[in-house]
Amino acid sequence: MPTDMIFALLSPLTFSVMNALVKATALSIPSSEIAFFRSIIGTIVIYSLMRYRNICFSRQGISALTLRGILGALYMLVYFYAISRLPLMDVSVLVNLAPVFVLILSAVVLKEQLPPRAVYILPLFFTGAVLTVKPFQFSSYSVDALYGVFCALLGAGVSITIRHLSKSHHTFEIIFYFMAATTLLSVPLMWQDFVVPNLAEWLYLISIGLVSLAAQVFMTKAFTHGNVVMVNVVGYSGIVYNALWGFLFWREVPDMLTVTGGMLIIGGCIALSWKKTVKGSIKLPNTST
């Protein structure tokens, strides 16, 4: 098997393991506290790598870097909260709505041309979102599911800012602002409900930080050396992994509405990814944290 395909398979698998660890830890630790420890570990690791490779902080573009950090921090906080309240598969499906928000933001903010026939694909996302959120069966689930949709919107904003910053800033610097901002923003959110972790919970928290870092490395290498369409398509296997962990550990069984909605959203993502590669239009985001 080609090396790039191995990385493409490992990335969604390791991200799904991180999601399972977050959900398990969230049974006794607030999601904001989990985000704090995940980000502070990442901040220390990225800063150490920057020092080791003599990467200096930029004096320009601070406002854009700060915006990327804040959007990324909000994304992680909302994402971890959604994981603590919803089935893993449902969260994985909803965050994949990010491409539709990327299309809208790219057209409005960056004045980019929409992919050909995108207007025929966007209804797939809308229908998939409605089936997954289930507003016609309004309940606390529907309210919590909206956090997944909001997470997708934040993910689209993150993608737009990264595309802008990557032209003039090192990847490690962009990641550092993300991790540092998450560390700072999560402190006031967890202050009142801070739980002192026991030994097992410490192991979970450290594992979340290390596993997420490994997943980021696998994802980067996959997109660097592999075919973009293939890596994107293989990445949607993460939904299957999340569904598997949800069933094995929490007996989460998705209903047919969620399955159908997920298929529509994934189908729309694949169609847009294919159009991007063939036509050279808007780049779609990876929705992993």
Protein backbone atom coordinates (compact mmCIF):
# COMPACT_ATOMS: atom_id res chain seq x y z
CA MET A 1 0.00 0.00 0.00
CA PRO A 2 1.37 3.48 -0.90
CA THR A 3 2.67 5.55 2.02
CA ASP A 4 0.29 8.43 1.30
CA MET A 5 -2.69 6.07 1.48
CA ILE A 6 -1.47 4.74 4.84
CA PHE A 7 -1.36 8.29 6.19
CA ALA A 8 -4.79 9.00 4.67
CA LEU A 9 -6.22 5.99 6.54
CA LEU A 10 -4.43 6.72 9.81
CA SER A 11 -5.55 10.36 10.03
CA PRO A 12 -9.35 9.82 10.41
CA LEU A 13 -8.71 6.76 12.58
CA THR A 14 -6.55 8.66 15.07
CA PHE A 15 -8.92 11.64 15.09
CA SER A 16 -11.80 9.26 15.87
CA VAL A 17 -9.76 7.78 18.74
CA MET A 18 -9.27 11.32 20.06
CA ASN A 19 -13.04 11.90 19.85
CA ALA A 20 -13.70 8.69 21.79
CA LEU A 21 -11.18 9.72 24.45
CA VAL A 22 -12.84 13.15 24.71
CA LYS A 23 -16.29 11.60 25.13
CA ALA A 24 -15.02 9.16 27.77
CA THR A 25 -13.26 11.93 29.68
CA ALA A 26 -16.31 14.23 29.42
CA LEU A 27 -18.25 11.81 31.63
CA SER A 28 -16.42 13.29 34.63
CA ILE A 29 -14.42 16.29 33.32
CA PRO A 30 -16.07 19.42 31.80
CA SER A 31 -15.49 19.80 28.06
CA SER A 32 -13.86 23.23 28.55
CA GLU A 33 -11.31 21.69 30.91
CA ILE A 34 -10.55 18.97 28.36
CA ALA A 35 -9.99 21.66 25.73
CA PHE A 36 -7.65 23.47 28.12
CA PHE A 37 -5.40 20.47 28.71
CA ARG A 38 -5.47 19.45 25.05
CA SER A 39 -4.44 22.94 23.96
CA ILE A 40 -1.82 23.60 26.62
CA ILE A 41 -0.07 20.34 25.70
CA GLY A 42 -0.18 21.39 22.05
CA THR A 43 1.09 24.89 22.89
CA ILE A 44 4.12 23.50 24.72
CA VAL A 45 4.91 21.01 21.97
CA ILE A 46 4.55 23.52 19.10
CA TYR A 47 6.55 26.21 20.92
CA SER A 48 9.32 23.69 21.58
CA LEU A 49 9.36 22.73 17.89
CA MET A 50 9.53 26.40 16.90
CA ARG A 51 12.51 26.96 19.19
CA TYR A 52 14.22 23.81 17.95
CA ARG A 53 13.80 24.84 14.29
CA ASN A 54 14.54 28.53 14.96
CA ILE A 55 11.12 29.69 13.73
CA CYS A 56 10.49 33.26 14.87
CA PHE A 57 7.13 34.89 15.52
CA SER A 58 6.01 37.33 12.85
CA ARG A 59 5.66 41.05 13.47
CA GLN A 60 3.07 41.41 10.74
CA GLY A 61 -0.39 39.90 10.37
CA ILE A 62 -0.92 39.73 14.14
CA SER A 63 -4.61 40.61 13.84
CA ALA A 64 -5.22 37.81 11.29
CA LEU A 65 -3.27 35.34 13.44
CA THR A 66 -5.29 36.38 16.47
CA LEU A 67 -8.55 35.95 14.54
CA ARG A 68 -7.46 32.46 13.44
CA GLY A 69 -6.61 31.65 17.05
CA ILE A 70 -9.97 32.83 18.38
CA LEU A 71 -11.98 31.04 15.68
CA GLY A 72 -9.98 27.85 16.24
CA ALA A 73 -10.45 28.12 19.99
CA LEU A 74 -14.21 28.55 19.66
CA TYR A 75 -14.27 25.62 17.23
CA MET A 76 -12.53 23.31 19.69
CA LEU A 77 -14.65 24.41 22.64
CA VAL A 78 -17.91 23.95 20.73
CA TYR A 79 -16.68 20.69 19.17
CA PHE A 80 -15.77 19.13 22.51
CA TYR A 81 -19.07 20.29 24.03
CA ALA A 82 -20.99 18.71 21.13
CA ILE A 83 -19.09 15.44 21.62
CA SER A 84 -20.05 15.42 25.29
CA ARG A 85 -23.76 15.85 24.46
CA LEU A 86 -24.34 14.02 21.15
CA PRO A 87 -23.58 10.60 19.65
CA LEU A 88 -20.14 10.54 18.06
CA MET A 89 -21.46 9.78 14.59
CA ASP A 90 -23.91 12.68 14.71
CA VAL A 91 -21.16 15.15 15.59
CA SER A 92 -18.94 13.75 12.86
CA VAL A 93 -21.74 14.17 10.31
CA LEU A 94 -22.67 17.71 11.33
CA VAL A 95 -19.14 19.13 11.28
CA ASN A 96 -18.89 17.96 7.67
CA LEU A 97 -21.34 20.75 6.82
CA ALA A 98 -18.30 23.04 6.83
CA PRO A 99 -17.88 23.00 3.00
CA VAL A 100 -21.23 24.73 2.45
CA PHE A 101 -20.16 27.54 4.79
CA VAL A 102 -16.77 27.71 3.05
CA LEU A 103 -18.55 28.24 -0.26
CA ILE A 104 -20.62 31.07 1.19
CA LEU A 105 -17.73 32.75 3.04
CA SER A 106 -15.35 32.39 0.09
CA ALA A 107 -17.87 34.01 -2.23
CA VAL A 108 -18.76 36.82 0.19
CA VAL A 109 -15.42 37.51 1.89
CA LEU A 110 -12.81 36.45 -0.68
CA LYS A 111 -14.94 37.20 -3.77
CA GLU A 112 -14.11 33.77 -5.20
CA GLN A 113 -16.17 32.17 -7.91
CA LEU A 114 -18.45 29.34 -6.83
CA PRO A 115 -17.76 25.91 -8.35
CA PRO A 116 -19.86 25.13 -11.45
CA ARG A 117 -23.33 23.84 -10.63
CA ALA A 118 -22.74 24.31 -6.88
CA VAL A 119 -26.33 25.50 -6.64
CA TYR A 120 -27.45 21.94 -7.43
CA ILE A 121 -25.21 20.44 -4.74
CA LEU A 122 -26.01 22.81 -1.86
CA PRO A 123 -29.55 21.40 -1.38
CA LEU A 124 -27.91 18.06 -0.49
CA PHE A 125 -26.23 19.73 2.49
CA PHE A 126 -29.41 21.48 3.58
CA THR A 127 -31.48 18.29 3.38
CA GLY A 128 -28.77 16.31 5.17
CA ALA A 129 -28.58 18.90 7.95
CA VAL A 130 -32.36 18.90 8.45
CA LEU A 131 -32.48 15.11 8.64
CA THR A 132 -29.62 14.99 11.13
CA VAL A 133 -30.71 17.88 13.39
CA LYS A 134 -34.40 16.80 13.25
CA PRO A 135 -36.00 20.20 13.99
CA PHE A 136 -39.42 18.65 13.28
CA GLN A 137 -38.90 16.52 16.39
CA PHE A 138 -37.80 19.49 18.50
CA SER A 139 -36.13 18.42 21.73
CA SER A 140 -32.97 18.99 23.73
CA TYR A 141 -31.25 16.84 21.08
CA SER A 142 -32.15 19.35 18.36
CA VAL A 143 -30.74 22.20 20.45
CA ASP A 144 -27.50 20.31 21.10
CA ALA A 145 -27.28 19.38 17.42
CA LEU A 146 -27.20 23.07 16.55
CA TYR A 147 -23.81 23.20 18.28
CA GLY A 148 -22.59 20.77 15.64
CA VAL A 149 -23.87 23.10 12.89
CA PHE A 150 -22.25 26.09 14.62
CA CYS A 151 -19.04 24.08 14.81
CA ALA A 152 -19.16 23.60 11.03
CA LEU A 153 -19.55 27.36 10.57
CA LEU A 154 -16.54 28.01 12.80
CA GLY A 155 -14.57 25.35 10.91
CA ALA A 156 -15.27 27.18 7.67
CA GLY A 157 -14.01 30.42 9.19
CA VAL A 158 -10.87 28.64 10.36
CA SER A 159 -10.29 27.28 6.86
CA ILE A 160 -10.62 30.74 5.29
CA THR A 161 -8.16 32.35 7.72
CA ILE A 162 -5.64 29.51 7.36
CA ARG A 163 -5.71 29.86 3.58
CA HIS A 164 -4.96 33.55 3.95
CA LEU A 165 -2.22 33.12 6.57
CA SER A 166 -0.46 30.15 4.96
CA LYS A 167 0.80 32.44 2.19
CA SER A 168 3.03 34.39 4.58
CA HIS A 169 3.24 32.51 7.89
CA HIS A 170 4.78 29.22 8.97
CA THR A 171 2.37 26.40 9.81
CA PHE A 172 3.78 26.06 13.33
CA GLU A 173 3.12 29.74 14.05
CA ILE A 174 -0.49 29.42 12.86
CA ILE A 175 -1.00 26.35 15.05
CA PHE A 176 0.63 28.08 18.03
CA TYR A 177 -1.86 30.95 17.92
CA PHE A 178 -4.69 28.40 17.76
CA MET A 179 -3.43 26.41 20.74
CA ALA A 180 -2.52 29.47 22.80
CA ALA A 181 -5.90 31.13 22.18
CA THR A 182 -7.74 27.95 23.17
CA THR A 183 -5.71 27.73 26.38
CA LEU A 184 -6.56 31.31 27.32
CA LEU A 185 -10.26 31.21 26.38
CA SER A 186 -10.91 27.91 28.13
CA VAL A 187 -9.61 29.16 31.51
CA PRO A 188 -12.62 31.37 32.44
CA LEU A 189 -15.05 28.75 31.11
CA MET A 190 -13.66 25.99 33.32
CA TRP A 191 -12.86 28.17 36.35
CA GLN A 192 -16.07 27.59 38.30
CA ASP A 193 -16.43 23.90 37.46
CA PHE A 194 -12.80 22.78 37.55
CA VAL A 195 -12.40 19.11 38.46
CA VAL A 196 -9.08 17.84 39.78
CA PRO A 197 -8.32 14.82 37.54
CA ASN A 198 -7.51 11.48 39.11
CA LEU A 199 -4.77 9.24 37.70
CA ALA A 200 -6.97 7.65 35.03
CA GLU A 201 -8.31 11.02 33.94
CA TRP A 202 -4.77 12.42 33.70
CA LEU A 203 -3.89 9.54 31.39
CA TYR A 204 -6.95 10.32 29.25
CA LEU A 205 -6.09 14.03 29.06
CA ILE A 206 -2.45 13.42 28.13
CA SER A 207 -3.52 10.81 25.58
CA ILE A 208 -5.95 13.30 23.97
CA GLY A 209 -3.12 15.79 23.49
CA LEU A 210 -0.67 13.24 22.07
CA VAL A 211 -3.19 11.41 19.85
CA SER A 212 -4.49 14.67 18.37
CA LEU A 213 -0.93 15.75 17.59
CA ALA A 214 -0.26 12.43 15.83
CA ALA A 215 -3.50 12.81 13.85
CA GLN A 216 -2.46 16.29 12.71
CA VAL A 217 0.88 14.89 11.49
CA PHE A 218 -0.82 12.05 9.59
CA MET A 219 -3.30 14.48 8.01
CA THR A 220 -0.56 16.89 6.94
CA LYS A 221 1.56 14.15 5.38
CA ALA A 222 -1.47 12.68 3.59
CA PHE A 223 -2.40 16.00 1.98
CA THR A 224 1.25 16.80 1.22
CA HIS A 225 2.06 13.58 -0.62
CA GLY A 226 -1.31 12.18 -1.72
CA ASN A 227 -4.06 12.91 -4.23
CA VAL A 228 -6.35 15.54 -2.67
CA VAL A 229 -9.60 13.93 -3.83
CA MET A 230 -8.56 10.48 -2.59
CA VAL A 231 -7.41 11.83 0.77
CA ASN A 232 -10.71 13.74 1.17
CA VAL A 233 -12.80 10.70 0.28
CA VAL A 234 -10.84 8.39 2.58
CA GLY A 235 -11.17 11.01 5.32
CA TYR A 236 -14.91 10.44 5.49
CA SER A 237 -14.16 6.97 6.87
CA GLY A 238 -13.83 8.85 10.17
CA ILE A 239 -17.63 8.91 10.36
CA VAL A 240 -17.62 5.11 10.29
CA TYR A 241 -14.93 4.93 12.97
CA ASN A 242 -16.86 7.35 15.18
CA ALA A 243 -20.04 5.32 14.71
CA LEU A 244 -18.11 2.17 15.65
CA TRP A 245 -16.67 3.63 18.88
CA GLY A 246 -20.07 5.07 19.77
CA PHE A 247 -21.72 1.68 19.38
CA LEU A 248 -18.99 -0.35 21.14
CA PHE A 249 -18.57 1.88 24.21
CA TRP A 250 -21.86 3.79 24.56
CA ARG A 251 -24.33 1.66 22.58
CA GLU A 252 -25.10 4.59 20.28
CA VAL A 253 -27.18 3.40 17.33
CA PRO A 254 -27.91 6.04 14.65
CA ASP A 255 -31.43 6.15 13.27
CA MET A 256 -32.22 6.08 9.56
CA LEU A 257 -32.67 9.87 9.42
CA THR A 258 -29.12 10.43 10.66
CA VAL A 259 -27.72 7.78 8.30
CA THR A 260 -29.58 9.28 5.32
CA GLY A 261 -28.55 12.81 6.28
CA GLY A 262 -24.95 11.71 6.64
CA MET A 263 -24.95 10.10 3.21
CA LEU A 264 -26.32 13.30 1.63
CA ILE A 265 -23.71 15.48 3.36
CA ILE A 266 -20.83 13.14 2.46
CA GLY A 267 -22.10 12.90 -1.11
CA GLY A 268 -22.13 16.69 -1.36
CA CYS A 269 -18.60 16.92 0.06
CA ILE A 270 -17.26 14.35 -2.42
CA ALA A 271 -18.96 16.12 -5.32
CA LEU A 272 -17.46 19.46 -4.33
CA SER A 273 -14.02 17.93 -3.77
CA TRP A 274 -14.13 16.39 -7.24
CA LYS A 275 -15.16 19.68 -8.81
CA LYS A 276 -12.35 21.47 -7.01
CA THR A 277 -9.70 19.13 -8.40
CA VAL A 278 -11.08 19.03 -11.92
CA LYS A 279 -12.12 22.67 -12.28
CA GLY A 280 -9.63 24.33 -9.89
CA SER A 281 -12.26 26.00 -7.75
CA ILE A 282 -12.60 26.51 -4.01
CA LYS A 283 -10.54 24.36 -1.66
CA LEU A 284 -12.58 22.52 0.94
CA PRO A 285 -11.54 22.31 4.59
CA ASN A 286 -10.58 19.34 6.66
CA THR A 287 -13.00 19.33 9.58
CA SER A 288 -10.80 17.63 12.10
CA THR A 289 -9.49 19.54 15.10
